Amino acid sequence: MQTKTKNRLTIIATVLLFTSPVVVAYLLSSGLIDFHPDDTKNNGHFVSPLVKVADYSDADWVAGLNGHWTLIHRIPEVCAQQCQSLELDLHKYRLTLGHRADKLNLILLADGFNSESPDHYPLVKKVAIGDNQALGSVFDQLSAQSLQGGHGMYVVAPEGFLMMAFTPKNTSTEIIRDLSLLVKRKGE
């Protein structure tokens, strides 16, 4: 091949190399190509707008939300027999995080608790919010995005914001994957 032809091919290849990303970006942003990625990194649904729990309660447990990721399971009644299985579920989520388990706090939130229920899982904090109607109504509204009927499973960011809700469609594997991604981030 002659030098002149080689130089022309080099120039054309360089121009194509630098202009093709611009052309592809234009086509994707203009709507001429309908491309939507199937997967996202998160499986839960982001709570929008974010809810700062401290705006609705000044209890000690709310102050403990700062600096840690927190998984909250909310039930809108007095927790009786189902408490132990819910505590076990929360505890299992924490165990799956391995050496990062200490970055995740667990809270079981209910209107009240049966005083006879034993405390088999001391890492799961039981919080009664039956007397705090403002916070209860916030969780009732958020329940539409989560488990429905006042029930819900939520993630609270280290800054104290309710930021993610899990639905009945989310499997345990998906919840664990989201929690793993979150606690890998700097949380303290």
N, C-alpha and C. Protein backbone atom coordinates (compact mmCIF):
# COMPACT_ATOMS: atom_id res chain seq x y z
N MET A 1 0.84 -1.17 0.00
CA MET A 1 0.00 0.00 0.00
C MET A 1 0.88 1.24 0.00
N GLN A 2 0.46 2.21 -0.73
CA GLN A 2 1.24 3.43 -0.83
C GLN A 2 1.09 4.27 0.42
N THR A 3 2.03 5.09 0.66
CA THR A 3 2.04 5.94 1.84
C THR A 3 0.87 6.91 1.84
N LYS A 4 0.53 7.43 0.70
CA LYS A 4 -0.58 8.37 0.59
C LYS A 4 -1.90 7.70 0.97
N THR A 5 -2.13 6.50 0.52
CA THR A 5 -3.35 5.75 0.84
C THR A 5 -3.38 5.40 2.32
N LYS A 6 -2.25 5.01 2.85
CA LYS A 6 -2.16 4.69 4.27
C LYS A 6 -2.51 5.88 5.15
N ASN A 7 -2.01 7.03 4.78
CA ASN A 7 -2.28 8.25 5.54
C ASN A 7 -3.77 8.61 5.50
N ARG A 8 -4.38 8.46 4.34
CA ARG A 8 -5.81 8.76 4.21
C ARG A 8 -6.64 7.80 5.06
N LEU A 9 -6.30 6.51 5.04
CA LEU A 9 -7.02 5.54 5.85
C LEU A 9 -6.85 5.82 7.35
N THR A 10 -5.68 6.25 7.74
CA THR A 10 -5.42 6.59 9.14
C THR A 10 -6.28 7.78 9.56
N ILE A 11 -6.37 8.78 8.71
CA ILE A 11 -7.19 9.96 9.02
C ILE A 11 -8.65 9.58 9.11
N ILE A 12 -9.14 8.78 8.17
CA ILE A 12 -10.55 8.35 8.19
C ILE A 12 -10.84 7.52 9.43
N ALA A 13 -9.95 6.61 9.80
CA ALA A 13 -10.15 5.78 10.99
C ALA A 13 -10.16 6.64 12.26
N THR A 14 -9.30 7.63 12.32
CA THR A 14 -9.25 8.52 13.48
C THR A 14 -10.53 9.34 13.60
N VAL A 15 -11.00 9.87 12.49
CA VAL A 15 -12.25 10.65 12.48
C VAL A 15 -13.42 9.76 12.93
N LEU A 16 -13.50 8.56 12.39
CA LEU A 16 -14.57 7.64 12.77
C LEU A 16 -14.49 7.26 14.25
N LEU A 17 -13.28 7.07 14.73
CA LEU A 17 -13.08 6.70 16.12
C LEU A 17 -13.60 7.77 17.08
N PHE A 18 -13.36 9.02 16.74
CA PHE A 18 -13.76 10.11 17.63
C PHE A 18 -15.19 10.60 17.38
N THR A 19 -15.75 10.39 16.22
CA THR A 19 -17.11 10.88 15.95
C THR A 19 -18.18 9.84 16.23
N SER A 20 -17.84 8.57 16.22
CA SER A 20 -18.87 7.54 16.43
C SER A 20 -19.53 7.62 17.82
N PRO A 21 -18.81 7.87 18.92
CA PRO A 21 -19.51 8.01 20.21
C PRO A 21 -20.48 9.18 20.22
N VAL A 22 -20.13 10.26 19.55
CA VAL A 22 -21.01 11.43 19.48
C VAL A 22 -22.28 11.09 18.70
N VAL A 23 -22.12 10.39 17.61
CA VAL A 23 -23.28 10.00 16.79
C VAL A 23 -24.18 9.04 17.58
N VAL A 24 -23.60 8.07 18.25
CA VAL A 24 -24.39 7.12 19.05
C VAL A 24 -25.11 7.84 20.19
N ALA A 25 -24.43 8.74 20.87
CA ALA A 25 -25.06 9.50 21.95
C ALA A 25 -26.21 10.34 21.43
N TYR A 26 -26.04 10.95 20.28
CA TYR A 26 -27.11 11.75 19.69
C TYR A 26 -28.32 10.88 19.36
N LEU A 27 -28.09 9.73 18.75
CA LEU A 27 -29.19 8.85 18.37
C LEU A 27 -29.96 8.35 19.59
N LEU A 28 -29.24 8.02 20.67
CA LEU A 28 -29.91 7.53 21.88
C LEU A 28 -30.69 8.64 22.57
N SER A 29 -30.13 9.84 22.62
CA SER A 29 -30.82 10.93 23.32
C SER A 29 -31.94 11.54 22.50
N SER A 30 -31.90 11.41 21.19
CA SER A 30 -32.93 12.02 20.35
C SER A 30 -34.21 11.19 20.31
N GLY A 31 -34.14 9.94 20.70
CA GLY A 31 -35.33 9.10 20.67
C GLY A 31 -35.48 8.34 19.37
N LEU A 32 -34.57 8.53 18.44
CA LEU A 32 -34.63 7.78 17.18
C LEU A 32 -34.44 6.30 17.42
N ILE A 33 -33.64 5.96 18.44
CA ILE A 33 -33.45 4.57 18.84
C ILE A 33 -34.07 4.42 20.22
N ASP A 34 -34.99 3.49 20.34
CA ASP A 34 -35.68 3.27 21.62
C ASP A 34 -34.91 2.23 22.42
N PHE A 35 -33.99 2.69 23.25
CA PHE A 35 -33.17 1.79 24.04
C PHE A 35 -33.37 2.08 25.52
N HIS A 36 -33.78 1.07 26.27
CA HIS A 36 -33.93 1.17 27.72
C HIS A 36 -33.27 -0.05 28.34
N PRO A 37 -32.25 0.15 29.16
CA PRO A 37 -31.61 -1.01 29.78
C PRO A 37 -32.58 -1.77 30.67
N ASP A 38 -32.47 -3.09 30.67
CA ASP A 38 -33.38 -3.92 31.46
C ASP A 38 -33.06 -3.90 32.94
N ASP A 39 -31.81 -3.94 33.27
CA ASP A 39 -31.42 -4.08 34.67
C ASP A 39 -30.91 -2.77 35.25
N THR A 40 -31.22 -2.60 36.53
CA THR A 40 -30.63 -1.53 37.30
C THR A 40 -29.89 -2.20 38.44
N LYS A 41 -29.11 -1.44 39.14
CA LYS A 41 -28.36 -2.04 40.24
C LYS A 41 -29.25 -2.33 41.44
N ASN A 42 -30.27 -1.53 41.65
CA ASN A 42 -31.12 -1.73 42.82
C ASN A 42 -32.39 -2.48 42.46
N ASN A 43 -32.89 -3.24 43.42
CA ASN A 43 -34.13 -3.98 43.23
C ASN A 43 -35.30 -3.34 43.98
N GLY A 44 -35.00 -2.66 45.07
CA GLY A 44 -36.03 -1.95 45.82
C GLY A 44 -36.43 -0.69 45.09
N HIS A 45 -37.48 -0.04 45.60
CA HIS A 45 -37.96 1.20 45.00
C HIS A 45 -37.53 2.37 45.87
N PHE A 46 -36.98 3.39 45.23
CA PHE A 46 -36.55 4.56 45.98
C PHE A 46 -37.78 5.33 46.47
N VAL A 47 -37.71 5.75 47.72
CA VAL A 47 -38.78 6.55 48.31
C VAL A 47 -38.60 7.97 47.81
N SER A 48 -39.65 8.51 47.21
CA SER A 48 -39.58 9.86 46.68
C SER A 48 -40.82 10.63 47.07
N PRO A 49 -40.71 11.73 47.72
CA PRO A 49 -39.50 12.38 48.22
C PRO A 49 -38.98 11.63 49.45
N LEU A 50 -37.69 11.83 49.73
CA LEU A 50 -37.07 11.19 50.89
C LEU A 50 -37.76 11.67 52.16
N VAL A 51 -37.84 10.80 53.15
CA VAL A 51 -38.49 11.12 54.41
C VAL A 51 -37.44 11.09 55.52
N LYS A 52 -37.25 12.22 56.20
CA LYS A 52 -36.33 12.27 57.34
C LYS A 52 -37.12 11.86 58.57
N VAL A 53 -36.76 10.73 59.16
CA VAL A 53 -37.50 10.17 60.29
C VAL A 53 -37.48 11.13 61.47
N ALA A 54 -36.39 11.86 61.66
CA ALA A 54 -36.27 12.78 62.79
C ALA A 54 -37.29 13.92 62.72
N ASP A 55 -37.86 14.18 61.55
CA ASP A 55 -38.89 15.21 61.43
C ASP A 55 -40.21 14.77 62.06
N TYR A 56 -40.37 13.48 62.32
CA TYR A 56 -41.63 12.96 62.83
C TYR A 56 -41.52 12.39 64.24
N SER A 57 -40.31 12.25 64.74
CA SER A 57 -40.12 11.70 66.08
C SER A 57 -38.77 12.15 66.64
N ASP A 58 -38.75 12.39 67.94
CA ASP A 58 -37.49 12.74 68.59
C ASP A 58 -37.08 11.66 69.60
N ALA A 59 -37.58 10.44 69.39
CA ALA A 59 -37.27 9.33 70.29
C ALA A 59 -35.80 8.93 70.16
N ASP A 60 -35.32 8.22 71.18
CA ASP A 60 -33.91 7.80 71.20
C ASP A 60 -33.55 6.90 70.02
N TRP A 61 -34.47 6.03 69.61
CA TRP A 61 -34.16 5.11 68.52
C TRP A 61 -33.94 5.86 67.21
N VAL A 62 -34.58 7.03 67.05
CA VAL A 62 -34.39 7.83 65.83
C VAL A 62 -32.98 8.40 65.80
N ALA A 63 -32.48 8.83 66.94
CA ALA A 63 -31.10 9.35 67.00
C ALA A 63 -30.10 8.24 66.67
N GLY A 64 -30.45 7.00 66.97
CA GLY A 64 -29.57 5.86 66.66
C GLY A 64 -29.51 5.51 65.19
N LEU A 65 -30.38 6.10 64.38
CA LEU A 65 -30.36 5.83 62.93
C LEU A 65 -29.16 6.47 62.26
N ASN A 66 -28.67 7.57 62.80
CA ASN A 66 -27.56 8.29 62.18
C ASN A 66 -26.27 7.48 62.26
N GLY A 67 -25.59 7.40 61.14
CA GLY A 67 -24.28 6.74 61.10
C GLY A 67 -24.32 5.28 60.71
N HIS A 68 -25.52 4.69 60.57
CA HIS A 68 -25.63 3.27 60.19
C HIS A 68 -26.75 3.11 59.17
N TRP A 69 -26.56 2.12 58.32
CA TRP A 69 -27.67 1.69 57.47
C TRP A 69 -28.63 0.93 58.38
N THR A 70 -29.92 1.09 58.18
CA THR A 70 -30.91 0.44 59.03
C THR A 70 -31.98 -0.19 58.16
N LEU A 71 -32.30 -1.45 58.46
CA LEU A 71 -33.39 -2.15 57.80
C LEU A 71 -34.55 -2.18 58.78
N ILE A 72 -35.68 -1.60 58.37
CA ILE A 72 -36.87 -1.52 59.22
C ILE A 72 -37.97 -2.38 58.60
N HIS A 73 -38.56 -3.23 59.44
CA HIS A 73 -39.77 -3.95 59.03
C HIS A 73 -40.90 -3.38 59.87
N ARG A 74 -41.91 -2.83 59.23
CA ARG A 74 -43.02 -2.18 59.93
C ARG A 74 -44.27 -3.03 59.80
N ILE A 75 -44.93 -3.26 60.95
CA ILE A 75 -46.25 -3.89 60.94
C ILE A 75 -47.21 -2.96 61.67
N PRO A 76 -48.42 -2.79 61.15
CA PRO A 76 -49.33 -1.77 61.68
C PRO A 76 -50.24 -2.27 62.81
N GLU A 77 -49.80 -3.23 63.57
CA GLU A 77 -50.61 -3.74 64.67
C GLU A 77 -49.70 -4.13 65.83
N VAL A 78 -50.30 -4.60 66.88
CA VAL A 78 -49.52 -5.09 68.02
C VAL A 78 -48.86 -6.39 67.60
N CYS A 79 -47.58 -6.46 67.80
CA CYS A 79 -46.80 -7.61 67.36
C CYS A 79 -46.94 -8.72 68.39
N ALA A 80 -47.52 -9.82 67.98
CA ALA A 80 -47.71 -10.94 68.89
C ALA A 80 -46.95 -12.16 68.38
N GLN A 81 -47.64 -13.08 67.74
CA GLN A 81 -47.02 -14.34 67.34
C GLN A 81 -46.10 -14.20 66.13
N GLN A 82 -46.39 -13.29 65.22
CA GLN A 82 -45.57 -13.15 64.02
C GLN A 82 -44.23 -12.47 64.30
N CYS A 83 -44.08 -11.89 65.49
CA CYS A 83 -42.85 -11.16 65.83
C CYS A 83 -41.60 -12.02 65.71
N GLN A 84 -41.66 -13.21 66.23
CA GLN A 84 -40.46 -14.06 66.24
C GLN A 84 -40.00 -14.39 64.83
N SER A 85 -40.92 -14.69 63.93
CA SER A 85 -40.51 -15.01 62.56
C SER A 85 -40.00 -13.75 61.83
N LEU A 86 -40.59 -12.59 62.12
CA LEU A 86 -40.10 -11.35 61.51
C LEU A 86 -38.71 -11.00 62.02
N GLU A 87 -38.48 -11.20 63.31
CA GLU A 87 -37.15 -10.97 63.89
C GLU A 87 -36.12 -11.90 63.25
N LEU A 88 -36.49 -13.16 63.07
CA LEU A 88 -35.60 -14.13 62.45
C LEU A 88 -35.25 -13.70 61.02
N ASP A 89 -36.26 -13.25 60.26
CA ASP A 89 -36.01 -12.80 58.90
C ASP A 89 -35.03 -11.63 58.87
N LEU A 90 -35.26 -10.65 59.74
CA LEU A 90 -34.35 -9.50 59.81
C LEU A 90 -32.93 -9.95 60.18
N HIS A 91 -32.86 -10.84 61.15
CA HIS A 91 -31.56 -11.34 61.60
C HIS A 91 -30.82 -12.07 60.47
N LYS A 92 -31.54 -12.82 59.66
CA LYS A 92 -30.93 -13.53 58.52
C LYS A 92 -30.35 -12.55 57.50
N TYR A 93 -31.08 -11.45 57.25
CA TYR A 93 -30.56 -10.45 56.32
C TYR A 93 -29.22 -9.91 56.82
N ARG A 94 -29.14 -9.67 58.11
CA ARG A 94 -27.91 -9.14 58.69
C ARG A 94 -26.78 -10.17 58.58
N LEU A 95 -27.09 -11.43 58.84
CA LEU A 95 -26.07 -12.47 58.80
C LEU A 95 -25.46 -12.63 57.40
N THR A 96 -26.26 -12.41 56.38
CA THR A 96 -25.77 -12.60 55.01
C THR A 96 -24.72 -11.57 54.62
N LEU A 97 -24.60 -10.49 55.38
CA LEU A 97 -23.63 -9.44 55.05
C LEU A 97 -22.22 -9.78 55.51
N GLY A 98 -22.06 -10.86 56.27
CA GLY A 98 -20.74 -11.32 56.69
C GLY A 98 -20.01 -10.29 57.53
N HIS A 99 -18.78 -9.95 57.11
CA HIS A 99 -17.96 -9.04 57.90
C HIS A 99 -18.48 -7.61 57.89
N ARG A 100 -19.44 -7.30 57.05
CA ARG A 100 -20.04 -5.96 57.03
C ARG A 100 -21.34 -5.90 57.82
N ALA A 101 -21.67 -6.96 58.53
CA ALA A 101 -22.94 -7.03 59.25
C ALA A 101 -23.06 -5.94 60.31
N ASP A 102 -21.96 -5.51 60.87
CA ASP A 102 -22.03 -4.48 61.91
C ASP A 102 -22.42 -3.11 61.36
N LYS A 103 -22.46 -2.97 60.03
CA LYS A 103 -22.88 -1.70 59.42
C LYS A 103 -24.39 -1.61 59.25
N LEU A 104 -25.13 -2.69 59.58
CA LEU A 104 -26.57 -2.71 59.39
C LEU A 104 -27.28 -2.88 60.73
N ASN A 105 -28.11 -1.92 61.07
CA ASN A 105 -28.98 -2.03 62.24
C ASN A 105 -30.32 -2.60 61.80
N LEU A 106 -31.00 -3.27 62.72
CA LEU A 106 -32.29 -3.88 62.43
C LEU A 106 -33.33 -3.35 63.40
N ILE A 107 -34.49 -2.96 62.86
CA ILE A 107 -35.58 -2.46 63.70
C ILE A 107 -36.87 -3.13 63.26
N LEU A 108 -37.59 -3.63 64.25
CA LEU A 108 -38.95 -4.12 64.04
C LEU A 108 -39.87 -3.07 64.62
N LEU A 109 -40.65 -2.44 63.78
CA LEU A 109 -41.49 -1.32 64.15
C LEU A 109 -42.94 -1.78 64.18
N ALA A 110 -43.62 -1.60 65.30
CA ALA A 110 -45.01 -2.04 65.42
C ALA A 110 -45.77 -1.03 66.27
N ASP A 111 -47.09 -1.16 66.28
CA ASP A 111 -47.90 -0.29 67.14
C ASP A 111 -47.66 -0.62 68.60
N GLY A 112 -47.34 -1.86 68.89
CA GLY A 112 -47.05 -2.29 70.25
C GLY A 112 -46.52 -3.72 70.21
N PHE A 113 -46.07 -4.20 71.37
CA PHE A 113 -45.53 -5.55 71.45
C PHE A 113 -46.16 -6.31 72.59
N ASN A 114 -46.39 -7.58 72.37
CA ASN A 114 -46.89 -8.47 73.41
C ASN A 114 -45.78 -8.63 74.44
N SER A 115 -46.08 -8.34 75.68
CA SER A 115 -45.04 -8.36 76.71
C SER A 115 -44.53 -9.77 77.00
N GLU A 116 -45.26 -10.78 76.58
CA GLU A 116 -44.86 -12.16 76.84
C GLU A 116 -43.88 -12.71 75.80
N SER A 117 -43.69 -11.98 74.69
CA SER A 117 -42.82 -12.52 73.64
C SER A 117 -41.36 -12.46 74.09
N PRO A 118 -40.64 -13.59 73.98
CA PRO A 118 -39.24 -13.62 74.39
C PRO A 118 -38.36 -12.87 73.39
N ASP A 119 -37.20 -12.45 73.88
CA ASP A 119 -36.27 -11.70 73.05
C ASP A 119 -35.15 -12.63 72.59
N HIS A 120 -35.41 -13.38 71.49
CA HIS A 120 -34.43 -14.33 70.97
C HIS A 120 -33.34 -13.66 70.14
N TYR A 121 -33.62 -12.48 69.62
CA TYR A 121 -32.69 -11.81 68.72
C TYR A 121 -32.39 -10.41 69.26
N PRO A 122 -31.41 -10.29 70.13
CA PRO A 122 -31.12 -8.99 70.75
C PRO A 122 -30.63 -7.93 69.77
N LEU A 123 -30.16 -8.33 68.59
CA LEU A 123 -29.70 -7.35 67.60
C LEU A 123 -30.86 -6.69 66.85
N VAL A 124 -32.06 -7.26 66.99
CA VAL A 124 -33.24 -6.66 66.38
C VAL A 124 -33.91 -5.79 67.43
N LYS A 125 -33.88 -4.50 67.19
CA LYS A 125 -34.47 -3.56 68.14
C LYS A 125 -35.98 -3.49 67.89
N LYS A 126 -36.76 -3.66 68.95
CA LYS A 126 -38.22 -3.58 68.85
C LYS A 126 -38.65 -2.19 69.28
N VAL A 127 -39.39 -1.51 68.41
CA VAL A 127 -39.82 -0.15 68.68
C VAL A 127 -41.33 -0.07 68.50
N ALA A 128 -42.02 0.41 69.55
CA ALA A 128 -43.47 0.62 69.50
C ALA A 128 -43.73 2.08 69.15
N ILE A 129 -44.51 2.30 68.09
CA ILE A 129 -44.83 3.68 67.69
C ILE A 129 -46.33 3.94 67.71
N GLY A 130 -47.06 3.15 68.47
CA GLY A 130 -48.51 3.30 68.52
C GLY A 130 -48.96 4.67 68.95
N ASP A 131 -48.20 5.34 69.81
CA ASP A 131 -48.59 6.66 70.30
C ASP A 131 -48.14 7.79 69.37
N ASN A 132 -47.33 7.51 68.37
CA ASN A 132 -46.85 8.53 67.44
C ASN A 132 -47.63 8.42 66.14
N GLN A 133 -48.76 9.12 66.08
CA GLN A 133 -49.63 9.00 64.91
C GLN A 133 -49.03 9.63 63.66
N ALA A 134 -48.22 10.67 63.84
CA ALA A 134 -47.60 11.32 62.66
C ALA A 134 -46.66 10.34 61.96
N LEU A 135 -45.81 9.68 62.72
CA LEU A 135 -44.88 8.71 62.12
C LEU A 135 -45.64 7.51 61.58
N GLY A 136 -46.66 7.06 62.29
CA GLY A 136 -47.48 5.95 61.81
C GLY A 136 -48.15 6.26 60.49
N SER A 137 -48.64 7.49 60.32
CA SER A 137 -49.30 7.85 59.06
C SER A 137 -48.29 7.93 57.92
N VAL A 138 -47.05 8.36 58.21
CA VAL A 138 -46.01 8.38 57.18
C VAL A 138 -45.73 6.96 56.70
N PHE A 139 -45.59 6.03 57.65
CA PHE A 139 -45.35 4.64 57.26
C PHE A 139 -46.55 4.04 56.55
N ASP A 140 -47.76 4.44 56.94
CA ASP A 140 -48.96 3.94 56.24
C ASP A 140 -48.98 4.42 54.80
N GLN A 141 -48.58 5.67 54.56
CA GLN A 141 -48.53 6.18 53.19
C GLN A 141 -47.44 5.48 52.38
N LEU A 142 -46.28 5.27 53.00
CA LEU A 142 -45.19 4.60 52.30
C LEU A 142 -45.50 3.13 52.03
N SER A 143 -46.42 2.57 52.78
CA SER A 143 -46.79 1.17 52.61
C SER A 143 -47.35 0.91 51.20
N ALA A 144 -47.91 1.92 50.59
CA ALA A 144 -48.41 1.76 49.22
C ALA A 144 -47.28 1.38 48.26
N GLN A 145 -46.05 1.82 48.57
CA GLN A 145 -44.89 1.48 47.74
C GLN A 145 -44.24 0.18 48.19
N SER A 146 -44.63 -0.33 49.36
CA SER A 146 -43.94 -1.49 49.90
C SER A 146 -44.87 -2.70 50.00
N LEU A 147 -45.06 -3.23 51.19
CA LEU A 147 -45.77 -4.50 51.35
C LEU A 147 -47.28 -4.37 51.43
N GLN A 148 -47.80 -3.14 51.38
CA GLN A 148 -49.25 -2.85 51.36
C GLN A 148 -49.90 -3.06 52.73
N GLY A 149 -51.06 -2.46 52.91
CA GLY A 149 -51.85 -2.65 54.12
C GLY A 149 -51.18 -2.15 55.39
N GLY A 150 -50.30 -1.16 55.29
CA GLY A 150 -49.60 -0.65 56.46
C GLY A 150 -48.29 -1.36 56.73
N HIS A 151 -48.09 -2.51 56.11
CA HIS A 151 -46.85 -3.28 56.29
C HIS A 151 -45.79 -2.72 55.35
N GLY A 152 -44.53 -2.87 55.74
CA GLY A 152 -43.47 -2.40 54.86
C GLY A 152 -42.10 -2.81 55.33
N MET A 153 -41.18 -2.86 54.39
CA MET A 153 -39.77 -3.10 54.68
C MET A 153 -38.99 -1.99 54.00
N TYR A 154 -38.21 -1.27 54.82
CA TYR A 154 -37.55 -0.07 54.35
C TYR A 154 -36.08 -0.04 54.74
N VAL A 155 -35.31 0.73 53.98
CA VAL A 155 -33.92 0.98 54.30
C VAL A 155 -33.80 2.46 54.67
N VAL A 156 -33.12 2.70 55.79
CA VAL A 156 -32.84 4.07 56.21
C VAL A 156 -31.35 4.32 56.02
N ALA A 157 -31.02 5.40 55.33
CA ALA A 157 -29.63 5.77 55.07
C ALA A 157 -28.96 6.27 56.35
N PRO A 158 -27.64 6.27 56.40
CA PRO A 158 -26.93 6.75 57.59
C PRO A 158 -27.24 8.20 57.97
N GLU A 159 -27.81 8.95 57.06
CA GLU A 159 -28.17 10.33 57.35
C GLU A 159 -29.55 10.44 57.99
N GLY A 160 -30.26 9.31 58.13
CA GLY A 160 -31.57 9.30 58.78
C GLY A 160 -32.75 9.42 57.85
N PHE A 161 -32.54 9.25 56.54
CA PHE A 161 -33.62 9.34 55.57
C PHE A 161 -34.12 7.95 55.18
N LEU A 162 -35.45 7.78 55.15
CA LEU A 162 -36.05 6.58 54.56
C LEU A 162 -35.83 6.71 53.06
N MET A 163 -35.07 5.78 52.48
CA MET A 163 -34.69 5.98 51.08
C MET A 163 -35.08 4.85 50.14
N MET A 164 -35.42 3.67 50.67
CA MET A 164 -35.76 2.57 49.80
C MET A 164 -36.83 1.70 50.45
N ALA A 165 -37.76 1.23 49.62
CA ALA A 165 -38.81 0.33 50.07
C ALA A 165 -38.76 -0.95 49.25
N PHE A 166 -39.01 -2.06 49.92
CA PHE A 166 -39.07 -3.35 49.23
C PHE A 166 -40.51 -3.79 49.10
N THR A 167 -40.84 -4.43 47.98
CA THR A 167 -42.20 -4.85 47.68
C THR A 167 -42.32 -6.36 47.85
N PRO A 168 -43.54 -6.90 47.80
CA PRO A 168 -43.71 -8.35 47.86
C PRO A 168 -43.04 -9.07 46.69
N LYS A 169 -42.81 -8.37 45.58
CA LYS A 169 -42.17 -8.97 44.42
C LYS A 169 -40.67 -9.17 44.63
N ASN A 170 -40.09 -8.43 45.58
CA ASN A 170 -38.65 -8.56 45.84
C ASN A 170 -38.38 -9.86 46.58
N THR A 171 -37.48 -10.65 46.02
CA THR A 171 -37.10 -11.90 46.68
C THR A 171 -36.05 -11.60 47.74
N SER A 172 -35.80 -12.57 48.59
CA SER A 172 -34.76 -12.41 49.62
C SER A 172 -33.41 -12.15 48.97
N THR A 173 -33.14 -12.81 47.88
CA THR A 173 -31.87 -12.63 47.17
C THR A 173 -31.72 -11.19 46.69
N GLU A 174 -32.79 -10.61 46.16
CA GLU A 174 -32.73 -9.23 45.69
C GLU A 174 -32.53 -8.26 46.84
N ILE A 175 -33.19 -8.50 47.96
CA ILE A 175 -33.03 -7.64 49.13
C ILE A 175 -31.60 -7.72 49.65
N ILE A 176 -31.07 -8.92 49.72
CA ILE A 176 -29.69 -9.12 50.18
C ILE A 176 -28.71 -8.41 49.24
N ARG A 177 -28.95 -8.50 47.94
CA ARG A 177 -28.08 -7.85 46.96
C ARG A 177 -28.08 -6.33 47.18
N ASP A 178 -29.28 -5.75 47.38
CA ASP A 178 -29.35 -4.31 47.63
C ASP A 178 -28.65 -3.92 48.92
N LEU A 179 -28.88 -4.68 49.98
CA LEU A 179 -28.23 -4.37 51.26
C LEU A 179 -26.72 -4.48 51.14
N SER A 180 -26.25 -5.48 50.42
CA SER A 180 -24.80 -5.64 50.23
C SER A 180 -24.20 -4.44 49.51
N LEU A 181 -24.88 -3.97 48.47
CA LEU A 181 -24.39 -2.80 47.74
C LEU A 181 -24.37 -1.56 48.63
N LEU A 182 -25.39 -1.42 49.46
CA LEU A 182 -25.48 -0.23 50.30
C LEU A 182 -24.41 -0.21 51.39
N VAL A 183 -24.21 -1.33 52.07
CA VAL A 183 -23.26 -1.31 53.19
C VAL A 183 -21.81 -1.28 52.72
N LYS A 184 -21.57 -1.58 51.44
CA LYS A 184 -20.22 -1.45 50.90
C LYS A 184 -19.82 0.02 50.82
N ARG A 185 -20.83 0.87 50.66
CA ARG A 185 -20.55 2.30 50.60
C ARG A 185 -20.13 2.78 51.98
N LYS A 186 -19.42 3.85 52.00
CA LYS A 186 -18.99 4.40 53.28
C LYS A 186 -20.21 4.86 54.06
N GLY A 187 -20.46 4.25 55.19
CA GLY A 187 -21.67 4.56 55.96
C GLY A 187 -21.38 5.24 57.27
N GLU A 188 -20.15 5.40 57.65
CA GLU A 188 -19.87 6.01 58.94
C GLU A 188 -18.84 7.10 58.81
